[in-house]
Amino acid sequence: MFALVDGVRRALAGRFDPEATRVAAAVVLVALSAVLGGAAATAVADPVGDNAAVTEQYEAAYDPLRPEPPADSVVFLPEPYGDWLNHPFQYLRNDPGFDGRTLYALDDHQLAVADAYPDRDYYRYVYRGEWSPHAGDPVEPALQRVRVTSGDSLTVATRMGLPAWTDGVTFTLSNGDERVHYTLDDAASRSSADLDVVVTDGTAKLIGPLSATGNESLGVEAGDSIALDVHVDGGYGAGFSYRVRFPVAVADGQYRTVTPYRELCTDLRQCGGAAAYVPGVGPTEASLNVTVRGD
């Protein structure tokens, strides 16, 4: 019996493999049923069943990366538990030489990673929902293509869907502690908000059918991260938020950025990493399209 359990332990000690995990768990359960009898097997069945349910949650979360991630790529990962590359994504490991088929990197310092691996394709793994496999609700994941864009100036063109019940829309463009605020003109009569975030001459500002409620632009330096937060207000407590976030690098008069990270927040507690925009998921008529060009 010890040999059987030890053998399964060794089998599970390698990389996460959902299929192997289910098979190994089934072998243990059958063996314990035969050796220990019905009562003991029932006692073991509950934790084994719980582990199988958690395995299913992980399978759903990793679905965009199966049967295998894109070749010759870098995949940027979120940080639900802080600044840890392999926690909780133990399955997504780099080879020791950092030269494997797919490399994994934290979502921070994306442009520096792109500089280090200029010949690879870039992707961003994102998800909606709380990362808690034991809670019973799987996240809704997606793998999004990321591209590097450069130019004398940058334009991040953003189109956001507005539900028919929209009463007002407010915008906050921020860079660290610096913020500027705008409101959307005639928000109740619009089906979308179309605007550009323009980065040029050391500043960032919004351009579109907007009214600024103070300063119209904020300063931008190398290494900054720009965030656009949009609150769609329906009155009487109804509403949700969009968020668009992208880094900015400056060198030799050229600005560079990557495809922005996008969120649609219906629960503010999940905004900031667990509310990634996934097309088709969210309030009716909500949508968020972003394109970037260098000029």
Protein backbone atom coordinates (compact mmCIF):
# COMPACT_ATOMS: atom_id res chain seq x y z
CA MET A 1 0.00 0.00 0.00
CA PHE A 2 2.82 2.41 0.90
CA ALA A 3 4.45 1.70 -2.46
CA LEU A 4 1.22 2.58 -4.29
CA VAL A 5 0.74 5.90 -2.49
CA ASP A 6 4.41 6.78 -2.88
CA GLY A 7 4.26 5.99 -6.57
CA VAL A 8 1.27 8.28 -7.09
CA ARG A 9 2.98 11.02 -5.06
CA ARG A 10 5.98 10.84 -7.35
CA ALA A 11 3.77 10.90 -10.42
CA LEU A 12 2.06 14.09 -9.24
CA ALA A 13 5.33 15.79 -8.30
CA GLY A 14 5.97 16.95 -11.87
CA ARG A 15 4.22 19.64 -13.82
CA PHE A 16 0.50 20.13 -13.52
CA ASP A 17 -1.31 17.78 -15.90
CA PRO A 18 -5.09 17.74 -15.42
CA GLU A 19 -5.61 14.39 -17.14
CA ALA A 20 -2.83 12.68 -15.20
CA THR A 21 -4.15 14.13 -11.96
CA ARG A 22 -7.64 12.69 -12.51
CA VAL A 23 -6.28 9.27 -13.43
CA ALA A 24 -3.93 9.17 -10.44
CA ALA A 25 -6.69 10.25 -8.07
CA ALA A 26 -8.98 7.53 -9.41
CA VAL A 27 -6.26 4.89 -8.93
CA VAL A 28 -5.75 5.94 -5.32
CA LEU A 29 -9.46 5.87 -4.60
CA VAL A 30 -9.96 2.41 -6.08
CA ALA A 31 -6.92 1.01 -4.27
CA LEU A 32 -7.97 2.44 -0.93
CA SER A 33 -11.48 1.07 -1.40
CA ALA A 34 -10.09 -2.41 -1.84
CA VAL A 35 -7.64 -2.23 1.05
CA LEU A 36 -9.49 -0.21 3.65
CA GLY A 37 -13.08 -1.19 2.96
CA GLY A 38 -16.20 0.82 2.31
CA ALA A 39 -16.22 3.07 5.39
CA ALA A 40 -12.63 4.25 4.99
CA ALA A 41 -13.07 4.68 1.24
CA THR A 42 -16.06 6.95 1.85
CA ALA A 43 -13.94 9.09 4.18
CA VAL A 44 -11.29 9.44 1.46
CA ALA A 45 -13.78 10.05 -1.36
CA ASP A 46 -14.81 13.52 -0.16
CA PRO A 47 -11.32 15.13 -0.25
CA VAL A 48 -10.54 13.33 -3.52
CA GLY A 49 -13.77 14.69 -4.97
CA ASP A 50 -12.88 18.18 -3.76
CA ASN A 51 -9.47 17.93 -5.43
CA ALA A 52 -11.11 16.79 -8.66
CA ALA A 53 -13.41 19.83 -8.56
CA VAL A 54 -10.42 22.14 -8.08
CA THR A 55 -8.70 20.43 -11.00
CA GLU A 56 -11.70 21.25 -13.18
CA GLN A 57 -11.41 24.92 -12.15
CA TYR A 58 -7.79 24.96 -13.23
CA GLU A 59 -8.65 23.23 -16.50
CA ALA A 60 -11.15 26.00 -17.28
CA ALA A 61 -8.63 28.69 -16.34
CA TYR A 62 -5.87 27.23 -18.53
CA ASP A 63 -8.13 26.48 -21.49
CA PRO A 64 -6.78 29.33 -23.73
CA LEU A 65 -3.28 27.83 -23.35
CA ARG A 66 -4.22 24.28 -24.28
CA PRO A 67 -3.31 21.97 -25.90
CA GLU A 68 -0.15 24.11 -25.84
CA PRO A 69 0.69 27.83 -25.77
CA PRO A 70 1.77 29.69 -28.93
CA ALA A 71 5.26 28.86 -30.17
CA ASP A 72 8.09 31.42 -30.08
CA SER A 73 6.10 33.64 -27.77
CA VAL A 74 6.12 35.53 -24.50
CA VAL A 75 2.95 35.33 -22.41
CA PHE A 76 2.40 38.09 -19.85
CA LEU A 77 0.69 36.88 -16.68
CA PRO A 78 -1.41 38.78 -14.11
CA GLU A 79 -0.53 38.89 -10.42
CA PRO A 80 -3.57 37.81 -8.36
CA TYR A 81 -1.40 36.93 -5.35
CA GLY A 82 1.25 39.62 -5.71
CA ASP A 83 4.66 39.78 -7.35
CA TRP A 84 5.08 36.02 -7.97
CA LEU A 85 5.53 34.55 -11.42
CA ASN A 86 4.63 30.93 -10.57
CA HIS A 87 2.04 31.58 -7.89
CA PRO A 88 -0.68 30.62 -8.56
CA PHE A 89 0.32 29.67 -12.13
CA GLN A 90 2.57 26.74 -11.25
CA TYR A 91 1.68 25.05 -14.53
CA LEU A 92 3.18 27.92 -16.55
CA ARG A 93 6.90 27.52 -15.96
CA ASN A 94 9.96 28.77 -17.78
CA ASP A 95 12.76 26.44 -18.75
CA PRO A 96 16.00 27.16 -16.82
CA GLY A 97 17.64 28.74 -19.85
CA PHE A 98 14.70 31.08 -20.58
CA ASP A 99 14.85 29.89 -24.18
CA GLY A 100 11.90 27.49 -24.34
CA ARG A 101 9.03 27.36 -26.80
CA THR A 102 7.02 29.79 -24.62
CA LEU A 103 8.29 32.24 -22.01
CA TYR A 104 6.20 33.61 -19.15
CA ALA A 105 6.65 37.05 -17.61
CA LEU A 106 4.81 39.24 -15.12
CA ASP A 107 2.58 41.91 -16.59
CA ASP A 108 4.93 44.61 -15.27
CA HIS A 109 7.80 45.93 -17.43
CA GLN A 110 6.31 44.64 -20.67
CA LEU A 111 8.41 46.91 -22.87
CA ALA A 112 11.63 45.81 -21.15
CA VAL A 113 10.68 42.17 -21.74
CA ALA A 114 9.93 42.96 -25.39
CA ASP A 115 13.37 44.55 -25.70
CA ALA A 116 14.98 41.42 -24.28
CA TYR A 117 13.05 39.12 -26.64
CA PRO A 118 12.45 41.17 -29.81
CA ASP A 119 11.95 38.17 -32.12
CA ARG A 120 9.04 36.61 -30.25
CA ASP A 121 5.29 37.19 -30.44
CA TYR A 122 3.62 38.63 -27.34
CA TYR A 123 0.40 37.62 -25.64
CA ARG A 124 -1.42 38.56 -22.45
CA TYR A 125 -3.27 35.99 -20.35
CA VAL A 126 -6.28 37.62 -18.65
CA TYR A 127 -9.37 36.49 -16.82
CA ARG A 128 -12.67 37.66 -15.33
CA GLY A 129 -13.77 36.58 -11.87
CA GLU A 130 -12.11 35.89 -8.56
CA TRP A 131 -9.06 33.61 -8.79
CA SER A 132 -10.17 31.13 -6.13
CA PRO A 133 -10.41 27.55 -7.46
CA HIS A 134 -11.85 26.33 -4.15
CA ALA A 135 -14.83 28.70 -4.46
CA GLY A 136 -16.47 26.60 -7.19
CA ASP A 137 -16.84 29.31 -9.85
CA PRO A 138 -14.23 29.13 -12.64
CA VAL A 139 -12.81 32.33 -14.08
CA GLU A 140 -13.50 33.34 -17.66
CA PRO A 141 -10.05 33.45 -19.29
CA ALA A 142 -8.71 34.78 -22.59
CA LEU A 143 -5.38 34.97 -24.39
CA GLN A 144 -4.95 38.33 -26.12
CA ARG A 145 -2.40 39.31 -28.73
CA VAL A 146 -0.06 42.12 -27.68
CA ARG A 147 1.88 44.29 -30.11
CA VAL A 148 4.49 47.00 -29.66
CA THR A 149 3.77 50.38 -31.28
CA SER A 150 6.11 53.37 -31.60
CA GLY A 151 6.11 56.83 -33.10
CA ASP A 152 6.76 60.54 -32.56
CA SER A 153 3.36 60.46 -30.86
CA LEU A 154 0.90 57.75 -29.82
CA THR A 155 -2.84 57.63 -30.32
CA VAL A 156 -4.92 55.11 -28.37
CA ALA A 157 -8.32 55.14 -30.11
CA THR A 158 -11.03 53.91 -27.77
CA ARG A 159 -14.68 53.07 -28.51
CA MET A 160 -16.91 52.18 -25.55
CA GLY A 161 -20.48 50.92 -25.82
CA LEU A 162 -23.12 52.78 -23.79
CA PRO A 163 -26.39 51.11 -22.71
CA ALA A 164 -29.69 52.86 -23.47
CA TRP A 165 -30.10 53.70 -19.76
CA THR A 166 -26.87 55.76 -19.64
CA ASP A 167 -27.41 59.05 -17.83
CA GLY A 168 -23.84 60.35 -17.70
CA VAL A 169 -20.22 59.32 -18.36
CA THR A 170 -17.13 60.61 -16.57
CA PHE A 171 -13.47 60.06 -17.46
CA THR A 172 -10.31 60.12 -15.36
CA LEU A 173 -6.96 60.06 -17.13
CA SER A 174 -4.14 59.38 -14.68
CA ASN A 175 -0.42 58.91 -14.48
CA GLY A 176 0.48 57.86 -10.96
CA ASP A 177 -0.82 60.54 -8.63
CA GLU A 178 -1.52 63.06 -11.40
CA ARG A 179 -5.11 63.11 -12.72
CA VAL A 180 -7.30 65.03 -15.13
CA HIS A 181 -11.08 64.71 -15.39
CA TYR A 182 -13.63 65.01 -18.19
CA THR A 183 -17.34 64.47 -18.81
CA LEU A 184 -18.98 63.19 -21.99
CA ASP A 185 -21.12 65.73 -23.83
CA ASP A 186 -24.76 64.67 -24.41
CA ALA A 187 -24.10 61.25 -22.86
CA ALA A 188 -27.78 60.24 -22.61
CA SER A 189 -28.23 60.53 -26.40
CA ARG A 190 -25.18 58.45 -27.37
CA SER A 191 -24.83 54.72 -27.99
CA SER A 192 -21.03 54.86 -27.66
CA ALA A 193 -18.22 57.06 -26.45
CA ASP A 194 -15.50 57.50 -29.08
CA LEU A 195 -12.31 59.26 -28.04
CA ASP A 196 -8.54 59.25 -28.39
CA VAL A 197 -5.84 59.23 -25.73
CA VAL A 198 -3.01 61.18 -27.38
CA VAL A 199 0.55 61.08 -26.03
CA THR A 200 2.81 63.73 -27.53
CA ASP A 201 5.27 66.46 -26.53
CA GLY A 202 5.60 65.12 -22.99
CA THR A 203 1.86 65.15 -22.27
CA ALA A 204 -1.22 62.93 -22.47
CA LYS A 205 -4.77 64.15 -23.02
CA LEU A 206 -8.21 63.00 -24.18
CA ILE A 207 -9.65 64.21 -27.47
CA GLY A 208 -13.31 63.75 -28.33
CA PRO A 209 -16.81 65.07 -27.50
CA LEU A 210 -15.69 65.91 -23.96
CA SER A 211 -15.59 68.76 -21.48
CA ALA A 212 -12.61 69.02 -19.12
CA THR A 213 -13.35 69.83 -15.48
CA GLY A 214 -9.92 71.35 -14.87
CA ASN A 215 -6.58 70.76 -16.56
CA GLU A 216 -6.85 69.10 -19.96
CA SER A 217 -3.55 67.18 -19.97
CA LEU A 218 -1.01 65.53 -17.69
CA GLY A 219 2.74 65.04 -17.93
CA VAL A 220 4.32 61.89 -19.33
CA GLU A 221 7.87 60.65 -18.80
CA ALA A 222 9.72 57.45 -19.65
CA GLY A 223 8.55 54.51 -17.60
CA ASP A 224 5.13 55.96 -16.82
CA SER A 225 1.88 54.02 -16.99
CA ILE A 226 -1.24 55.74 -18.28
CA ALA A 227 -4.69 54.69 -17.10
CA LEU A 228 -8.07 55.77 -18.41
CA ASP A 229 -10.97 55.07 -16.02
CA VAL A 230 -14.48 55.56 -17.36
CA HIS A 231 -17.62 55.43 -15.21
CA VAL A 232 -20.94 54.85 -16.97
CA ASP A 233 -23.71 56.14 -14.69
CA GLY A 234 -27.33 55.07 -15.05
CA GLY A 235 -28.62 56.79 -11.95
CA TYR A 236 -30.13 55.19 -8.84
CA GLY A 237 -26.94 53.21 -8.22
CA ALA A 238 -26.83 51.58 -11.67
CA GLY A 239 -23.58 51.66 -13.59
CA PHE A 240 -20.24 50.08 -14.38
CA SER A 241 -16.71 51.10 -15.32
CA TYR A 242 -14.25 50.64 -18.14
CA ARG A 243 -10.49 50.79 -17.66
CA VAL A 244 -7.72 51.06 -20.26
CA ARG A 245 -4.10 50.88 -19.07
CA PHE A 246 -0.82 51.02 -21.02
CA PRO A 247 2.88 51.72 -20.33
CA VAL A 248 4.89 54.43 -22.06
CA ALA A 249 8.61 54.45 -22.89
CA VAL A 250 10.49 57.40 -24.38
CA ALA A 251 13.82 57.19 -26.20
CA ASP A 252 15.42 59.30 -28.93
CA GLY A 253 12.26 61.34 -29.34
CA GLN A 254 10.16 58.24 -29.93
CA TYR A 255 7.30 57.01 -27.75
CA ARG A 256 6.58 53.30 -27.40
CA THR A 257 3.76 51.32 -25.87
CA VAL A 258 2.03 47.94 -26.07
CA THR A 259 -1.56 46.91 -26.70
CA PRO A 260 -3.44 48.24 -23.64
CA TYR A 261 -4.90 46.06 -20.93
CA ARG A 262 -8.70 46.45 -20.87
CA GLU A 263 -11.22 45.94 -18.08
CA LEU A 264 -14.96 46.08 -17.70
CA CYS A 265 -15.82 46.40 -14.00
CA THR A 266 -19.28 45.53 -12.72
CA ASP A 267 -17.84 44.85 -9.27
CA LEU A 268 -15.29 47.39 -8.08
CA ARG A 269 -13.72 44.78 -5.79
CA GLN A 270 -12.54 42.88 -8.89
CA CYS A 271 -11.41 45.90 -10.87
CA GLY A 272 -7.64 46.02 -11.13
CA GLY A 273 -6.85 42.49 -12.31
CA ALA A 274 -9.93 40.25 -12.09
CA ALA A 275 -12.23 42.12 -14.47
CA ALA A 276 -10.50 41.75 -17.84
CA TYR A 277 -12.68 42.66 -20.78
CA VAL A 278 -13.82 39.53 -22.59
CA PRO A 279 -16.10 40.19 -25.62
CA GLY A 280 -19.67 39.07 -24.99
CA VAL A 281 -19.32 39.06 -21.21
CA GLY A 282 -20.86 41.90 -19.21
CA PRO A 283 -23.88 44.22 -19.35
CA THR A 284 -25.96 44.33 -22.52
CA GLU A 285 -24.57 46.87 -25.01
CA ALA A 286 -21.27 47.10 -23.14
CA SER A 287 -18.22 46.80 -25.40
CA LEU A 288 -14.67 48.07 -25.40
CA ASN A 289 -12.53 48.31 -28.54
CA VAL A 290 -9.04 49.81 -28.47
CA THR A 291 -6.52 50.32 -31.26
CA VAL A 292 -3.08 51.94 -31.07
CA ARG A 293 -1.13 53.77 -33.74
CA GLY A 294 2.15 55.61 -33.82
CA ASP A 295 2.29 58.86 -35.79
